[in-house]
Protein backbone atom coordinates (compact mmCIF):
# COMPACT_ATOMS: atom_id res chain seq x y z
CA UNK A 1 121.02 -32.48 170.40
CA UNK A 2 121.47 -33.07 166.70
CA UNK A 3 120.40 -29.94 164.50
CA UNK A 4 117.05 -29.85 163.46
CA UNK A 5 115.67 -29.09 159.83
CA UNK A 6 112.35 -28.13 158.72
CA UNK A 7 111.29 -28.99 155.27
CA UNK A 8 108.74 -26.67 153.66
CA UNK A 9 108.14 -28.19 150.07
CA UNK A 10 104.72 -29.73 148.44
CA UNK A 11 106.48 -32.34 146.13
CA UNK A 12 105.67 -35.34 148.52
CA UNK A 13 108.57 -37.50 146.29
CA UNK A 14 111.36 -34.85 147.30
CA UNK A 15 110.40 -34.68 150.82
CA UNK A 16 110.55 -38.30 151.20
CA UNK A 17 114.05 -38.12 149.58
CA UNK A 18 115.22 -35.45 151.81
CA UNK A 19 113.66 -36.72 154.95
CA UNK A 20 115.74 -40.00 154.54
CA UNK A 21 118.69 -38.62 153.48
CA UNK A 22 118.91 -35.85 156.35
CA UNK A 23 117.67 -38.52 158.89
CA UNK A 24 120.44 -40.76 157.75
CA UNK A 25 122.66 -37.82 158.31
CA UNK A 26 121.84 -37.31 161.99
CA UNK A 27 119.28 -34.34 161.71
CA UNK A 28 115.77 -34.14 163.40
CA UNK A 29 113.67 -33.51 160.35
CA UNK A 30 109.94 -31.98 160.17
CA UNK A 31 108.03 -31.02 156.98
CA UNK A 32 105.27 -29.11 155.88
CA UNK A 33 103.51 -29.25 152.25
CA UNK A 34 102.20 -25.56 152.44
CA UNK A 35 103.22 -22.10 153.49
CA UNK A 36 100.89 -21.69 156.39
CA UNK A 37 101.48 -24.74 157.86
CA UNK A 38 105.51 -24.32 157.22
CA UNK A 39 105.13 -21.09 159.65
CA UNK A 40 103.00 -23.41 162.18
CA UNK A 41 105.78 -25.88 162.13
CA UNK A 42 108.55 -23.39 162.27
CA UNK A 43 107.13 -21.79 165.50
CA UNK A 44 106.65 -25.27 167.06
CA UNK A 45 109.62 -27.00 165.84
CA UNK A 46 112.30 -24.29 166.20
CA UNK A 47 114.72 -25.44 163.32
CA UNK A 48 118.26 -24.84 163.04
CA UNK A 49 117.83 -24.50 159.27
CA UNK A 50 114.94 -24.52 156.53
CA UNK A 51 114.71 -25.94 153.08
CA UNK A 52 112.08 -24.00 151.49
CA UNK A 53 110.36 -24.45 148.19
CA UNK A 54 109.58 -21.29 146.29
CA UNK A 55 106.42 -22.73 144.42
CA UNK A 56 104.31 -23.49 147.26
CA UNK A 57 100.46 -23.39 147.19
CA UNK A 58 99.06 -20.13 148.77
CA UNK A 59 101.43 -18.57 150.53
CA UNK A 60 104.53 -18.89 148.37
CA UNK A 61 108.39 -19.53 149.34
CA UNK A 62 109.09 -15.80 149.33
CA UNK A 63 106.18 -14.64 151.46
CA UNK A 64 107.21 -17.42 153.81
CA UNK A 65 110.79 -16.50 154.04
CA UNK A 66 109.56 -12.78 154.65
CA UNK A 67 107.15 -13.90 157.40
CA UNK A 68 110.12 -15.75 159.17
CA UNK A 69 112.22 -12.85 158.69
CA UNK A 70 109.60 -10.36 160.35
CA UNK A 71 109.81 -12.65 163.38
CA UNK A 72 113.69 -11.14 163.64
CA UNK A 73 114.72 -14.95 163.03
CA UNK A 74 118.30 -15.15 161.46
CA UNK A 75 118.25 -18.86 160.73
CA UNK A 76 119.44 -19.98 157.65
CA UNK A 77 116.99 -20.63 154.92
CA UNK A 78 117.83 -22.99 151.87
CA UNK A 79 115.65 -22.26 149.07
CA UNK A 80 114.87 -25.29 146.36
CA UNK A 81 113.17 -23.95 143.19
CA UNK A 82 112.63 -24.89 139.23
CA UNK A 83 113.42 -21.11 138.71
CA UNK A 84 116.73 -21.04 137.16
CA UNK A 85 117.39 -17.49 135.71
CA UNK A 86 119.69 -15.34 136.79
CA UNK A 87 116.98 -12.82 137.69
CA UNK A 88 115.17 -15.52 139.77
CA UNK A 89 118.40 -16.24 141.41
CA UNK A 90 118.64 -12.52 142.65
CA UNK A 91 115.14 -12.35 143.55
CA UNK A 92 115.18 -15.28 145.85
CA UNK A 93 118.67 -13.99 147.57
CA UNK A 94 117.32 -10.69 147.71
CA UNK A 95 114.17 -11.93 149.54
CA UNK A 96 116.33 -12.86 152.70
CA UNK A 97 117.24 -16.50 151.56
CA UNK A 98 120.80 -17.63 152.39
CA UNK A 99 121.53 -20.07 149.82
CA UNK A 100 119.53 -20.95 146.47
CA UNK A 101 119.54 -24.49 144.82
CA UNK A 102 117.66 -25.17 141.40
CA UNK A 103 116.08 -28.50 140.69
CA UNK A 104 116.81 -31.09 139.97
CA UNK A 105 119.35 -31.04 142.27
CA UNK A 106 122.38 -33.56 143.59
CA UNK A 107 121.51 -34.80 147.11
CA UNK A 108 125.41 -34.82 148.05
CA UNK A 109 125.54 -31.09 147.17
CA UNK A 110 122.42 -29.96 149.19
CA UNK A 111 124.13 -31.80 152.21
CA UNK A 112 127.28 -29.93 151.43
CA UNK A 113 125.51 -26.67 151.56
CA UNK A 114 123.56 -27.59 154.87
CA UNK A 115 126.56 -28.19 156.33
CA UNK A 116 128.20 -24.98 155.63
CA UNK A 117 125.19 -23.00 156.40
CA UNK A 118 125.23 -24.49 159.58
CA UNK A 119 128.70 -24.34 160.55
CA UNK A 120 128.11 -20.28 159.49
CA UNK A 121 125.42 -19.64 161.75
CA UNK A 122 125.92 -22.01 164.86
CA UNK A 123 129.95 -22.34 164.80
CA UNK A 124 130.13 -22.44 168.95
CA UNK A 125 127.83 -25.24 169.24
CA UNK A 126 129.43 -28.41 171.00
CA UNK A 127 127.96 -31.86 170.20
CA UNK A 128 129.15 -34.85 172.09
CA UNK A 129 128.62 -37.65 170.55
CA UNK A 130 128.73 -41.04 172.67
CA UNK A 131 127.86 -44.63 172.43
CA UNK A 132 128.57 -47.03 175.62
CA UNK A 133 131.57 -45.36 177.46
CA UNK A 134 133.10 -43.82 174.24
CA UNK A 135 132.79 -40.24 173.64
CA UNK A 136 133.69 -37.77 170.86
CA UNK A 137 133.39 -33.80 171.55
CA UNK A 138 133.14 -32.27 168.14
CA UNK A 139 134.08 -28.76 169.22
CA UNK A 140 137.41 -29.70 170.72
CA UNK A 141 137.86 -32.97 168.33
CA UNK A 142 139.01 -34.80 171.74
CA UNK A 143 137.86 -38.56 172.17
CA UNK A 144 137.59 -40.39 175.31
CA UNK A 145 136.79 -43.74 176.65
CA UNK A 146 135.57 -44.19 180.54
CA UNK A 147 137.38 -41.10 180.89
CA UNK A 148 140.62 -42.00 179.01
CA UNK A 149 141.69 -39.42 176.47
CA UNK A 150 142.30 -40.89 173.11
CA UNK A 151 144.66 -38.82 170.39
CA UNK A 152 143.31 -39.19 166.73
CA UNK A 153 144.92 -38.12 163.49
CA UNK A 154 142.31 -36.38 161.21
CA UNK A 155 140.92 -39.34 159.44
CA UNK A 156 140.51 -41.56 162.44
CA UNK A 157 138.74 -38.61 163.92
CA UNK A 158 136.63 -38.41 160.57
CA UNK A 159 136.09 -42.45 160.98
CA UNK A 160 135.13 -42.34 164.61
CA UNK A 161 132.38 -39.35 164.05
CA UNK A 162 130.87 -41.22 161.24
CA UNK A 163 130.52 -44.44 163.36
CA UNK A 164 129.11 -42.51 166.15
CA UNK A 165 126.42 -40.34 164.18
CA UNK A 166 125.39 -43.83 163.05
CA UNK A 167 125.56 -46.18 165.88
CA UNK A 168 124.38 -50.06 165.24
CA UNK A 169 123.97 -49.22 161.48
CA UNK A 170 126.07 -51.32 159.36
CA UNK A 171 128.12 -48.65 157.20
CA UNK A 172 129.02 -50.23 153.76
CA UNK A 173 132.61 -49.56 152.64
CA UNK A 174 131.18 -47.27 149.43
CA UNK A 175 129.41 -45.01 152.38
CA UNK A 176 132.57 -44.67 154.30
CA UNK A 177 134.95 -43.99 151.46
CA UNK A 178 132.37 -41.41 150.08
CA UNK A 179 131.82 -39.89 153.69
CA UNK A 180 135.58 -39.63 154.85
CA UNK A 181 137.56 -39.46 151.65
CA UNK A 182 135.01 -38.33 149.49
CA UNK A 183 135.84 -40.84 146.64
CA UNK A 184 136.38 -44.66 146.48
CA UNK A 185 139.66 -45.97 146.25
CA UNK A 186 138.68 -48.92 144.42
CA UNK A 187 137.73 -52.69 145.54
CA UNK A 188 141.19 -53.63 146.04
CA UNK A 189 142.54 -51.04 148.27
CA UNK A 190 142.97 -51.96 151.96
CA UNK A 191 143.43 -48.21 153.08
CA UNK A 192 139.97 -48.57 155.04
CA UNK A 193 140.98 -51.94 156.57
CA UNK A 194 144.18 -50.18 157.83
CA UNK A 195 142.46 -47.16 159.29
CA UNK A 196 139.88 -49.54 161.03
CA UNK A 197 142.81 -51.42 162.67
CA UNK A 198 144.42 -48.33 163.90
CA UNK A 199 141.35 -46.86 165.36
CA UNK A 200 140.55 -49.97 167.30
CA UNK A 201 144.02 -50.13 168.76
CA UNK A 202 143.39 -46.76 170.16
CA UNK A 203 139.92 -47.29 171.41
CA UNK A 204 140.62 -50.70 172.71
CA UNK A 205 144.26 -50.04 174.09
CA UNK A 206 143.43 -50.51 177.65
CA UNK A 207 141.82 -53.72 177.22
CA UNK A 208 138.34 -52.21 176.67
CA UNK A 209 135.87 -54.61 175.09
CA UNK A 210 135.21 -54.14 171.18
CA UNK A 211 132.76 -51.65 169.76
CA UNK A 212 133.73 -51.68 166.35
CA UNK A 213 133.04 -54.89 164.32
CA UNK A 214 133.63 -56.01 160.99
CA UNK A 215 130.60 -57.26 158.71
CA UNK A 216 132.07 -59.56 156.42
CA UNK A 217 131.52 -58.62 152.70
CA UNK A 218 129.66 -55.35 153.57
CA UNK A 219 131.59 -52.85 156.01
CA UNK A 220 131.58 -51.95 159.38
CA UNK A 221 129.46 -51.27 162.67
CA UNK A 222 129.51 -49.91 165.93
CA UNK A 223 127.94 -51.68 168.42
CA UNK A 224 128.29 -53.63 171.63
CA UNK A 225 128.04 -57.35 170.60
CA UNK A 226 128.94 -59.00 167.55
């Protein structure tokens, strides 16, 4: 099961952006627009991580954090706020939150901080990603197809994990470069095509049907038919 994230934020535009981005990353996402509802959603949804606004109507973010900590829950809480002085940051971190980001923020940095917080708190969780007869164990980093073990290089693993987290979704070249390499090699580079070819050779080594398709002029997609 993918990690669950609860957003407690009263700015609906920010909630929409966060939901879209986090769902795309493969998380299960719920949201609440004020503190009391956030506490109820926390108790019902049992998230792995909370994104918490400081300036909420009624019960503010510090009070919400205090209530959650009073239950004995040590799940990571990432606070979002427009408060940006050193005193504000210290107050926020001293309240029991695990990380602190000032608005406006870059969604890529937020995603990176979420991944870091989740790694820190649930490092032993094993997630097996699968599509058709292709599987990838993210704890052991072992791939297999119909029980056949597939040995992958680091970049091949990263590519396969990305595709398995977004099956049937066309991933553009720009998105793949950003998620796997962290930057764009430029329109003339064929490095992605080379790695896709390597990956196809390995997952189709025993004559298995194709799962990784080219979408000409766009990118690639993991699916079980052209």
